[in-house]
């Protein structure tokens, strides 16, 4: 198969392509927002866990070494 020829051909949009593009863009925006929120939460938690007292201890967990 000639890949150069296949990549240069113009492809006709199919029915529903605009809707799929809209979902992909919205999904990417949602993923970016989620990652930013997770990073902010992680930084906030690491900086203030001790100040939160029992709630901070409840939200964290430690896996002990050895058995």
Foldseek 3Di string as FASTA:
>chain_A
DDVVVVVPDDDDDDPCPVVVVVVVVVVVVVVVVVVVVVVVVVVVLVVCLVVVPPVSVVVDDDDDPDD
